[in-house]
């Protein structure tokens, strides 16, 4: 009968030590990878938060400067408007005799109205934002914003996908006219963007709970957002359109920032093209303001 193999003294214990060492090394490697990913995530969050803070500071400073310029422009603009109207009144009944002066007066009046609109947008952007938040159902806020832009939506033949109706009790804590203004600006931009495409035109409005708040989404099937312009979209006076002041999204950013929320943009996940703008705001209670109380939304369409 052959003799049992003889174990080298200490070999069994060494094998156990090596096995334990390998297990510990494996755990350390996994922990290291987890920590690395967490560090990357935190850096991204910090960078995003810092960008938000810096952008808010820049917008505030630009707002003060823009307000001063707008007031300086509005005074001579009012004088031009007054003198133009006086000339138009003097020329009444003399159109055939003085066709060119009448045409010039009409063109000046039209240009003054356009400039006055721009000054109004600048003052709206520069105006101090001090929200008086209350609890609002998301459904009511979306419906009011849609009603305010209803004729333009119909004229552009845009279909509206109301996903927010799936969450009828979802409420957000916000200033009623300010939030409606922000949503109206986003809806207007979406409809304008879709007027540039020939295919499907669908406006999607959604609301979902997030950690400690509510996310409102306005998505379109337009041409989408160029990656090179994403970082500048919310800067005042930046626009990719031939017309407009480029203040709509800057006003949205200021409103959301005043509520302690964030605003973002991405590709529309439900479409091959288009953009999706998201507003993250504090959640409200289930006891919202009375939808029939029109005074709560006073000034929403300024």
Protein backbone atom coordinates (compact mmCIF):
# COMPACT_ATOMS: atom_id res chain seq x y z
CA UNK A 1 0.00 0.00 0.00
CA UNK A 2 1.54 3.32 -1.11
CA UNK A 3 2.33 5.86 1.55
CA UNK A 4 0.17 9.04 1.81
CA UNK A 5 1.80 12.13 0.27
CA UNK A 6 3.72 14.11 2.78
CA UNK A 7 2.67 17.79 3.13
CA UNK A 8 5.45 20.31 3.23
CA UNK A 9 5.28 22.01 6.64
CA UNK A 10 3.44 25.37 6.41
CA UNK A 11 2.20 24.86 2.81
CA UNK A 12 -1.47 24.58 3.77
CA UNK A 13 -1.34 27.78 5.85
CA UNK A 14 0.48 29.62 3.09
CA UNK A 15 -2.19 28.63 0.57
CA UNK A 16 -4.88 30.00 2.85
CA UNK A 17 -2.93 33.24 3.28
CA UNK A 18 -2.51 33.60 -0.50
CA UNK A 19 -6.22 32.92 -1.03
CA UNK A 20 -7.17 35.49 1.64
CA UNK A 21 -4.73 37.98 0.10
CA UNK A 22 -6.29 37.50 -3.32
CA UNK A 23 -9.77 38.02 -1.90
CA UNK A 24 -8.72 41.19 -0.11
CA UNK A 25 -6.97 42.48 -3.23
CA UNK A 26 -10.09 41.80 -5.28
CA UNK A 27 -12.22 43.67 -2.76
CA UNK A 28 -9.78 46.58 -2.73
CA UNK A 29 -9.81 46.72 -6.53
CA UNK A 30 -13.60 46.82 -6.61
CA UNK A 31 -13.68 49.45 -3.87
CA UNK A 32 -11.10 51.49 -5.77
CA UNK A 33 -13.15 51.34 -8.97
CA UNK A 34 -16.30 52.27 -7.06
CA UNK A 35 -14.54 55.22 -5.42
CA UNK A 36 -13.14 56.37 -8.75
CA UNK A 37 -16.59 56.35 -10.34
CA UNK A 38 -18.01 58.20 -7.33
CA UNK A 39 -15.26 60.82 -7.55
CA UNK A 40 -16.01 61.33 -11.25
CA UNK A 41 -19.72 61.68 -10.50
CA UNK A 42 -19.11 64.18 -7.70
CA UNK A 43 -16.77 66.20 -9.88
CA UNK A 44 -19.42 66.36 -12.59
CA UNK A 45 -22.05 67.43 -10.05
CA UNK A 46 -19.75 70.07 -8.59
CA UNK A 47 -18.85 71.34 -12.05
CA UNK A 48 -22.54 71.52 -12.96
CA UNK A 49 -23.44 73.27 -9.71
CA UNK A 50 -20.56 75.72 -10.11
CA UNK A 51 -21.63 76.44 -13.69
CA UNK A 52 -25.16 77.15 -12.46
CA UNK A 53 -23.88 79.52 -9.77
CA UNK A 54 -21.55 81.36 -12.15
CA UNK A 55 -24.27 81.63 -14.79
CA UNK A 56 -26.70 83.03 -12.20
CA UNK A 57 -24.17 85.66 -11.15
CA UNK A 58 -23.53 86.65 -14.76
CA UNK A 59 -27.23 86.89 -15.53
CA UNK A 60 -27.81 89.05 -12.46
CA UNK A 61 -24.99 91.45 -13.41
CA UNK A 62 -26.14 91.59 -17.03
CA UNK A 63 -29.70 92.22 -15.83
CA UNK A 64 -28.65 95.32 -13.93
CA UNK A 65 -26.67 96.64 -16.87
CA UNK A 66 -29.45 95.86 -19.35
CA UNK A 67 -32.03 97.66 -17.19
CA UNK A 68 -29.96 100.85 -17.24
CA UNK A 69 -29.49 100.69 -21.00
CA UNK A 70 -33.17 99.93 -21.61
CA UNK A 71 -34.31 102.94 -19.59
CA UNK A 72 -31.88 105.18 -21.45
CA UNK A 73 -33.20 103.92 -24.79
CA UNK A 74 -36.88 104.10 -23.84
CA UNK A 75 -36.84 107.88 -23.21
CA UNK A 76 -35.71 109.00 -26.71
CA UNK A 77 -37.79 106.17 -28.19
CA UNK A 78 -40.91 107.68 -26.63
CA UNK A 79 -40.04 111.04 -28.16
CA UNK A 80 -39.55 109.49 -31.61
CA UNK A 81 -42.90 107.72 -31.26
CA UNK A 82 -44.62 110.99 -30.29
CA UNK A 83 -43.16 113.01 -33.17
CA UNK A 84 -43.93 110.25 -35.67
CA UNK A 85 -47.56 110.11 -34.59
CA UNK A 86 -47.79 113.92 -34.90
CA UNK A 87 -46.40 113.75 -38.46
CA UNK A 88 -48.85 110.95 -39.33
CA UNK A 89 -51.76 113.03 -38.05
CA UNK A 90 -50.64 116.07 -40.07
CA UNK A 91 -50.43 113.94 -43.21
CA UNK A 92 -53.90 112.49 -42.79
CA UNK A 93 -55.93 113.29 -45.88
CA UNK A 94 -52.80 114.08 -47.92
CA UNK A 95 -51.71 110.55 -48.84
CA UNK A 96 -52.00 111.14 -52.59
CA UNK A 97 -50.16 114.44 -52.37
CA UNK A 98 -47.34 113.19 -50.09
CA UNK A 99 -47.12 109.39 -50.57
CA UNK A 100 -43.43 109.10 -49.72
CA UNK A 101 -43.56 110.99 -46.38
CA UNK A 102 -46.60 108.94 -45.37
CA UNK A 103 -44.77 105.70 -46.20
CA UNK A 104 -41.68 106.82 -44.25
CA UNK A 105 -43.78 107.80 -41.23
CA UNK A 106 -45.46 104.38 -41.23
CA UNK A 107 -42.08 102.63 -41.45
CA UNK A 108 -40.70 104.70 -38.57
CA UNK A 109 -43.77 103.92 -36.45
CA UNK A 110 -43.38 100.19 -37.19
CA UNK A 111 -39.66 100.27 -36.31
CA UNK A 112 -40.42 102.11 -33.06
CA UNK A 113 -42.95 99.45 -32.07
CA UNK A 114 -40.37 96.76 -32.74
CA UNK A 115 -37.73 98.54 -30.67
CA UNK A 116 -40.21 99.13 -27.87
CA UNK A 117 -40.91 95.40 -27.82
CA UNK A 118 -37.20 94.67 -27.51
CA UNK A 119 -36.87 97.18 -24.66
CA UNK A 120 -39.83 95.50 -22.96
CA UNK A 121 -38.10 92.11 -23.20
CA UNK A 122 -34.89 93.57 -21.78
CA UNK A 123 -36.74 95.11 -18.84
CA UNK A 124 -38.57 91.82 -18.21
CA UNK A 125 -35.22 90.05 -18.11
CA UNK A 126 -33.66 92.71 -15.87
CA UNK A 127 -36.61 92.96 -13.48
CA UNK A 128 -35.89 91.72 -9.97
CA UNK A 129 -37.38 88.27 -9.49
CA UNK A 130 -38.88 87.71 -6.07
CA UNK A 131 -41.22 84.71 -6.32
CA UNK A 132 -44.21 84.20 -4.04
CA UNK A 133 -44.54 80.41 -4.38
CA UNK A 134 -47.69 78.43 -3.66
CA UNK A 135 -48.70 74.84 -4.40
CA UNK A 136 -49.95 74.41 -7.96
CA UNK A 137 -51.12 71.33 -9.79
CA UNK A 138 -48.89 70.67 -12.77
CA UNK A 139 -51.97 70.00 -14.91
CA UNK A 140 -53.37 73.48 -14.30
CA UNK A 141 -50.09 75.26 -15.02
CA UNK A 142 -49.57 73.38 -18.30
CA UNK A 143 -53.17 73.95 -19.40
CA UNK A 144 -52.91 77.70 -18.81
CA UNK A 145 -49.63 77.95 -20.73
CA UNK A 146 -51.13 75.98 -23.63
CA UNK A 147 -54.24 78.17 -23.68
CA UNK A 148 -52.08 81.31 -23.82
CA UNK A 149 -50.29 80.02 -26.94
CA UNK A 150 -53.21 78.05 -28.35
CA UNK A 151 -53.81 80.02 -31.59
CA UNK A 152 -50.14 79.76 -32.62
CA UNK A 153 -50.10 76.01 -31.89
CA UNK A 154 -53.15 75.51 -34.12
CA UNK A 155 -51.75 77.72 -36.87
CA UNK A 156 -48.48 75.75 -36.89
CA UNK A 157 -50.43 72.45 -37.03
CA UNK A 158 -48.65 71.10 -33.96
CA UNK A 159 -50.08 68.05 -32.15
CA UNK A 160 -49.91 68.24 -28.34
CA UNK A 161 -49.05 65.11 -26.35
CA UNK A 162 -50.21 65.73 -22.75
CA UNK A 163 -48.36 63.13 -20.70
CA UNK A 164 -48.83 65.21 -17.56
CA UNK A 165 -52.48 64.17 -17.33
CA UNK A 166 -51.24 60.80 -16.02
CA UNK A 167 -50.21 62.57 -12.78
CA UNK A 168 -53.28 64.69 -11.89
CA UNK A 169 -52.31 65.11 -8.22
CA UNK A 170 -48.71 66.10 -8.86
CA UNK A 171 -48.06 69.59 -7.49
CA UNK A 172 -45.16 72.00 -7.74
CA UNK A 173 -44.21 74.81 -5.34
CA UNK A 174 -43.81 77.92 -7.49
CA UNK A 175 -44.96 81.44 -8.23
CA UNK A 176 -47.98 81.03 -10.58
CA UNK A 177 -47.37 83.83 -13.13
CA UNK A 178 -43.62 83.26 -13.15
CA UNK A 179 -43.88 79.53 -13.78
CA UNK A 180 -46.50 80.09 -16.47
CA UNK A 181 -44.19 82.64 -18.10
CA UNK A 182 -41.31 80.13 -18.09
CA UNK A 183 -43.44 77.35 -19.59
CA UNK A 184 -44.97 79.72 -22.13
CA UNK A 185 -41.49 80.76 -23.30
CA UNK A 186 -40.46 77.11 -23.72
CA UNK A 187 -43.68 76.21 -25.55
CA UNK A 188 -43.32 79.23 -27.85
CA UNK A 189 -39.71 78.27 -28.65
CA UNK A 190 -40.73 74.68 -29.33
CA UNK A 191 -43.50 75.70 -31.73
CA UNK A 192 -41.19 78.15 -33.51
CA UNK A 193 -38.53 75.43 -33.85
CA UNK A 194 -41.01 72.97 -35.36
CA UNK A 195 -42.12 75.51 -37.94
CA UNK A 196 -38.72 74.90 -39.56
CA UNK A 197 -39.41 71.20 -40.27
CA UNK A 198 -41.73 69.59 -42.80
CA UNK A 199 -42.37 66.30 -41.00
CA UNK A 200 -44.19 65.42 -37.81
CA UNK A 201 -44.76 68.31 -35.42
CA UNK A 202 -45.47 67.09 -31.92
CA UNK A 203 -45.19 69.01 -28.66
CA UNK A 204 -44.81 66.72 -25.64
CA UNK A 205 -45.46 68.01 -22.13
CA UNK A 206 -44.62 65.78 -19.20
CA UNK A 207 -44.25 65.94 -15.42
CA UNK A 208 -42.55 63.41 -13.16
CA UNK A 209 -41.47 63.25 -9.53
CA UNK A 210 -37.76 63.31 -8.83
CA UNK A 211 -35.76 63.22 -5.61
CA UNK A 212 -37.34 65.92 -3.49
CA UNK A 213 -39.04 67.71 -6.35
CA UNK A 214 -40.80 67.68 -9.71
CA UNK A 215 -39.38 67.72 -13.23
CA UNK A 216 -41.41 69.42 -15.97
CA UNK A 217 -40.49 68.61 -19.58
CA UNK A 218 -41.25 70.46 -22.80
CA UNK A 219 -40.10 68.44 -25.82
CA UNK A 220 -40.46 69.06 -29.55
CA UNK A 221 -39.72 67.36 -32.86
CA UNK A 222 -37.88 70.30 -34.38
CA UNK A 223 -34.32 70.34 -35.72
CA UNK A 224 -32.84 69.87 -32.24
CA UNK A 225 -30.04 71.70 -30.45
CA UNK A 226 -26.55 72.01 -31.86
CA UNK A 227 -24.01 70.63 -29.38
CA UNK A 228 -21.78 73.67 -30.00
CA UNK A 229 -24.52 76.03 -28.76
CA UNK A 230 -25.83 74.14 -25.72
CA UNK A 231 -23.62 76.00 -23.25
CA UNK A 232 -24.74 79.35 -24.65
CA UNK A 233 -28.47 78.70 -24.97
CA UNK A 234 -29.37 80.37 -21.67
CA UNK A 235 -27.10 83.37 -22.19
CA UNK A 236 -29.00 86.63 -22.74
CA UNK A 237 -29.20 87.91 -26.32
CA UNK A 238 -28.04 84.58 -27.75
CA UNK A 239 -30.37 83.21 -30.41
CA UNK A 240 -30.13 80.86 -33.38
CA UNK A 241 -33.17 82.41 -35.08
CA UNK A 242 -33.30 85.24 -37.57
CA UNK A 243 -35.72 87.15 -35.34
CA UNK A 244 -36.12 87.54 -31.60
CA UNK A 245 -34.12 89.13 -28.80
CA UNK A 246 -32.54 85.95 -27.45
CA UNK A 247 -33.92 86.65 -23.97
CA UNK A 248 -36.62 83.97 -23.72
CA UNK A 249 -34.42 81.18 -22.35
CA UNK A 250 -32.42 83.61 -20.20
CA UNK A 251 -35.70 84.67 -18.54
CA UNK A 252 -36.61 81.00 -18.04
CA UNK A 253 -33.24 80.40 -16.36
CA UNK A 254 -33.67 83.40 -14.04
CA UNK A 255 -37.18 82.31 -13.03
CA UNK A 256 -36.16 78.72 -12.30
CA UNK A 257 -33.02 79.84 -10.48
CA UNK A 258 -35.09 82.17 -8.27
CA UNK A 259 -37.14 79.13 -7.22
CA UNK A 260 -34.02 77.18 -6.26
CA UNK A 261 -34.43 74.87 -9.23
CA UNK A 262 -32.42 73.95 -12.32
CA UNK A 263 -33.05 74.01 -16.06
CA UNK A 264 -31.50 71.73 -18.66
CA UNK A 265 -31.69 70.72 -22.30
CA UNK A 266 -31.07 67.46 -24.14
CA UNK A 267 -32.11 65.59 -27.26
CA UNK A 268 -35.74 64.51 -27.37
CA UNK A 269 -35.53 60.84 -26.25
CA UNK A 270 -38.84 59.97 -27.89
CA UNK A 271 -37.96 61.29 -31.35
CA UNK A 272 -35.23 61.01 -33.95
CA UNK A 273 -34.92 64.79 -33.82
CA UNK A 274 -35.92 67.61 -31.54
CA UNK A 275 -34.99 68.98 -28.13
CA UNK A 276 -36.27 68.44 -24.59
CA UNK A 277 -36.10 71.21 -21.98
CA UNK A 278 -36.50 70.24 -18.33
CA UNK A 279 -37.35 72.36 -15.30
CA UNK A 280 -36.58 70.82 -11.91
CA UNK A 281 -38.54 72.56 -9.16
CA UNK A 282 -39.53 71.94 -5.52
CA UNK A 283 -42.57 69.73 -5.04
CA UNK A 284 -45.81 71.20 -3.73
CA UNK A 285 -48.51 69.80 -1.50
CA UNK A 286 -51.60 68.02 -2.77
CA UNK A 287 -53.72 71.00 -1.66
CA UNK A 288 -53.03 73.37 -4.55
CA UNK A 289 -54.29 76.89 -5.17
CA UNK A 290 -57.84 77.05 -6.50
CA UNK A 291 -57.63 76.82 -10.33
CA UNK A 292 -60.62 79.17 -10.53
CA UNK A 293 -58.67 81.88 -8.69
CA UNK A 294 -57.60 84.04 -11.64
CA UNK A 295 -55.81 86.52 -9.35
CA UNK A 296 -53.18 83.87 -8.54
CA UNK A 297 -52.05 83.90 -12.17
CA UNK A 298 -52.25 87.66 -12.64
CA UNK A 299 -49.37 88.90 -14.78
CA UNK A 300 -48.51 85.48 -16.17
CA UNK A 301 -48.62 86.66 -19.77
CA UNK A 302 -46.57 89.84 -19.33
